[in-house]
Amino acid sequence: MAWISSPTQVVAQIVPDATLPNPSVVQLQGTTNRIVGGTQAGANLFHSFKQFDVSTGTVAYFDQNPAIANIFARITGSKPSSVNGLIQANGSANLFLLNPNGILFGPNAQLNLGGAFLATTANSILFPDGKVFSATPSSQSAPLLSINRPLGLIFNNNPGPITQRSD
């Protein structure tokens, strides 16, 4: 008996969840994962994913209204995110990537954004009006979304690491 194996190509896994009033949608277009939908509150756009991995040669493209000032993307699953491809957004929006389980940026990770980028292993983002956008949303209440700019980050006891690998 012989075992024949061929290398498996890893593709980007960007899997939305259903925790927002208007869920995120990922449309695969060749090697580009076009991310649309999400829930808007003022000039803020909120996205929520079970998994957010971008492999080499693939693109995670946040395609939103150019009037959006801030994009908040949370990962609610239990695994760290791996970014080894391109994260891109149209317009001049700032992008906040929140995964309390960790984020690994590989040697091929790239950003193409018109605004600032914040990657964090915090559990939640706090807004001045007291609202919180958490990576562990409660199933008993609707997500609290804010039109304000973020005020700070909330960390649980054991946040995951953020790692950058250049080899």
Protein backbone atom coordinates (compact mmCIF):
# COMPACT_ATOMS: atom_id res chain seq x y z
CA MET A 1 0.00 0.00 0.00
CA ALA A 2 1.39 3.42 -0.93
CA TRP A 3 0.42 6.80 0.41
CA ILE A 4 0.60 9.62 -2.08
CA SER A 5 0.44 13.12 -0.75
CA SER A 6 0.61 16.46 -2.43
CA PRO A 7 1.16 19.78 -0.73
CA THR A 8 -2.05 21.48 0.18
CA GLN A 9 -2.43 25.12 -0.68
CA VAL A 10 -3.72 27.12 2.26
CA VAL A 11 -6.27 29.72 1.25
CA ALA A 12 -7.55 32.68 3.17
CA GLN A 13 -10.23 31.82 5.65
CA ILE A 14 -12.36 34.82 6.41
CA VAL A 15 -15.57 33.50 7.90
CA PRO A 16 -18.21 35.97 9.08
CA ASP A 17 -20.47 35.25 12.04
CA ALA A 18 -24.10 36.27 12.60
CA THR A 19 -23.68 38.43 15.71
CA LEU A 20 -24.37 41.85 14.18
CA PRO A 21 -27.75 43.27 13.11
CA ASN A 22 -26.36 43.55 9.56
CA PRO A 23 -23.82 40.72 9.22
CA SER A 24 -20.56 40.96 7.35
CA VAL A 25 -20.44 39.23 3.96
CA VAL A 26 -17.33 37.81 2.28
CA GLN A 27 -17.43 37.50 -1.50
CA LEU A 28 -14.59 35.45 -2.99
CA GLN A 29 -13.38 37.02 -6.26
CA GLY A 30 -10.31 35.10 -7.43
CA THR A 31 -7.72 35.60 -4.68
CA THR A 32 -9.58 38.58 -3.21
CA ASN A 33 -11.95 38.24 -0.26
CA ARG A 34 -14.22 41.26 -0.75
CA ILE A 35 -15.71 42.16 2.63
CA VAL A 36 -19.01 44.05 2.45
CA GLY A 37 -22.04 44.51 4.66
CA GLY A 38 -21.42 44.99 8.34
CA THR A 39 -23.36 47.29 10.62
CA GLN A 40 -22.92 51.03 10.32
CA ALA A 41 -23.33 53.49 13.22
CA GLY A 42 -22.59 57.04 12.11
CA ALA A 43 -19.17 57.07 10.43
CA ASN A 44 -18.21 53.74 12.08
CA LEU A 45 -18.58 50.35 10.37
CA PHE A 46 -18.57 47.16 12.45
CA HIS A 47 -17.60 43.72 11.11
CA SER A 48 -17.62 40.42 12.98
CA PHE A 49 -15.87 37.19 11.98
CA LYS A 50 -15.53 33.66 13.40
CA GLN A 51 -12.16 33.39 11.67
CA PHE A 52 -9.88 35.91 9.98
CA ASP A 53 -6.84 34.45 8.19
CA VAL A 54 -5.19 35.94 5.10
CA SER A 55 -2.69 33.64 3.39
CA THR A 56 0.16 34.51 1.03
CA GLY A 57 -1.10 35.76 -2.33
CA THR A 58 -4.59 36.59 -1.08
CA VAL A 59 -6.30 39.87 -0.22
CA ALA A 60 -8.77 40.81 2.50
CA TYR A 61 -10.46 43.86 0.93
CA PHE A 62 -12.78 45.95 3.11
CA ASP A 63 -15.04 47.54 0.49
CA GLN A 64 -17.13 50.19 2.21
CA ASN A 65 -18.66 53.60 1.64
CA PRO A 66 -15.79 56.12 1.37
CA ALA A 67 -17.53 58.26 4.04
CA ILE A 68 -16.72 55.62 6.70
CA ALA A 69 -14.08 56.95 9.13
CA ASN A 70 -13.45 53.79 11.21
CA ILE A 71 -13.77 50.08 10.49
CA PHE A 72 -13.92 47.81 13.55
CA ALA A 73 -13.31 44.12 12.79
CA ARG A 74 -13.60 41.63 15.65
CA ILE A 75 -12.85 37.93 15.62
CA THR A 76 -15.22 35.98 17.86
CA GLY A 77 -13.79 32.50 17.24
CA SER A 78 -11.29 30.73 19.47
CA LYS A 79 -8.22 30.78 17.19
CA PRO A 80 -5.51 33.38 16.57
CA SER A 81 -5.53 35.18 13.21
CA SER A 82 -2.75 34.59 10.70
CA VAL A 83 -1.99 37.39 8.23
CA ASN A 84 0.49 36.62 5.47
CA GLY A 85 -1.27 38.41 2.61
CA LEU A 86 -2.67 41.88 1.95
CA ILE A 87 -5.23 43.72 4.08
CA GLN A 88 -6.74 46.56 2.08
CA ALA A 89 -9.58 49.07 2.37
CA ASN A 90 -10.91 51.72 0.05
CA GLY A 91 -11.20 55.33 1.19
CA SER A 92 -9.34 56.79 4.15
CA ALA A 93 -10.87 54.71 6.95
CA ASN A 94 -8.90 53.62 10.01
CA LEU A 95 -8.96 49.85 10.58
CA PHE A 96 -9.12 48.27 14.05
CA LEU A 97 -8.49 44.49 14.08
CA LEU A 98 -9.48 42.86 17.37
CA ASN A 99 -8.62 39.22 18.20
CA PRO A 100 -8.07 38.38 21.88
CA ASN A 101 -6.64 34.98 20.88
CA GLY A 102 -3.66 36.52 19.10
CA ILE A 103 -2.54 37.77 15.70
CA LEU A 104 0.43 36.49 13.69
CA PHE A 105 1.83 38.68 10.92
CA GLY A 106 3.97 36.60 8.55
CA PRO A 107 6.81 37.75 6.28
CA ASN A 108 4.42 38.49 3.39
CA ALA A 109 1.89 40.50 5.41
CA GLN A 110 1.05 43.85 3.83
CA LEU A 111 -1.30 46.77 4.47
CA ASN A 112 -2.84 49.11 1.90
CA LEU A 113 -5.00 51.50 3.90
CA GLY A 114 -5.81 55.19 3.60
CA GLY A 115 -5.99 55.55 7.40
CA ALA A 116 -4.36 54.21 10.52
CA PHE A 117 -4.18 50.53 11.52
CA LEU A 118 -4.48 49.07 15.00
CA ALA A 119 -4.14 45.34 15.66
CA THR A 120 -4.91 44.34 19.22
CA THR A 121 -5.44 41.30 21.38
CA ALA A 122 -7.76 43.26 23.64
CA ASN A 123 -11.13 41.69 24.32
CA SER A 124 -13.15 44.86 23.72
CA ILE A 125 -13.06 48.39 22.40
CA LEU A 126 -14.52 51.02 24.73
CA PHE A 127 -16.32 54.13 23.48
CA PRO A 128 -16.80 57.44 25.37
CA ASP A 129 -20.56 56.84 25.69
CA GLY A 130 -19.83 53.66 27.70
CA LYS A 131 -20.67 51.27 24.85
CA VAL A 132 -18.37 48.32 24.24
CA PHE A 133 -17.63 46.36 21.05
CA SER A 134 -16.53 42.99 22.41
CA ALA A 135 -14.99 39.91 20.77
CA THR A 136 -17.21 37.85 23.09
CA PRO A 137 -20.68 39.24 22.35
CA SER A 138 -23.49 38.19 24.63
CA SER A 139 -26.18 36.05 23.04
CA GLN A 140 -28.74 37.59 25.37
CA SER A 141 -28.36 41.17 24.18
CA ALA A 142 -27.91 42.95 20.89
CA PRO A 143 -24.41 44.29 20.22
CA LEU A 144 -23.85 47.80 21.47
CA LEU A 145 -22.59 49.91 18.60
CA SER A 146 -21.44 53.48 18.93
CA ILE A 147 -21.17 56.47 16.64
CA ASN A 148 -18.28 57.83 18.73
CA ARG A 149 -14.55 57.44 18.24
CA PRO A 150 -13.02 54.73 20.44
CA LEU A 151 -11.75 55.71 23.86
CA GLY A 152 -9.68 52.68 24.83
CA LEU A 153 -9.16 48.95 24.90
CA ILE A 154 -10.24 46.41 27.50
CA PHE A 155 -8.02 43.38 28.09
CA ASN A 156 -9.01 40.15 29.83
CA ASN A 157 -6.59 38.29 32.09
CA ASN A 158 -4.74 36.38 29.37
CA PRO A 159 -4.61 38.15 25.98
CA GLY A 160 -3.00 36.31 23.07
CA PRO A 161 0.28 37.49 21.52
CA ILE A 162 0.83 39.66 18.48
CA THR A 163 3.74 38.19 16.54
CA GLN A 164 5.60 39.44 13.48
CA ARG A 165 7.71 36.90 11.64
CA SER A 166 10.10 38.06 8.98
CA ASP A 167 11.33 34.62 7.95
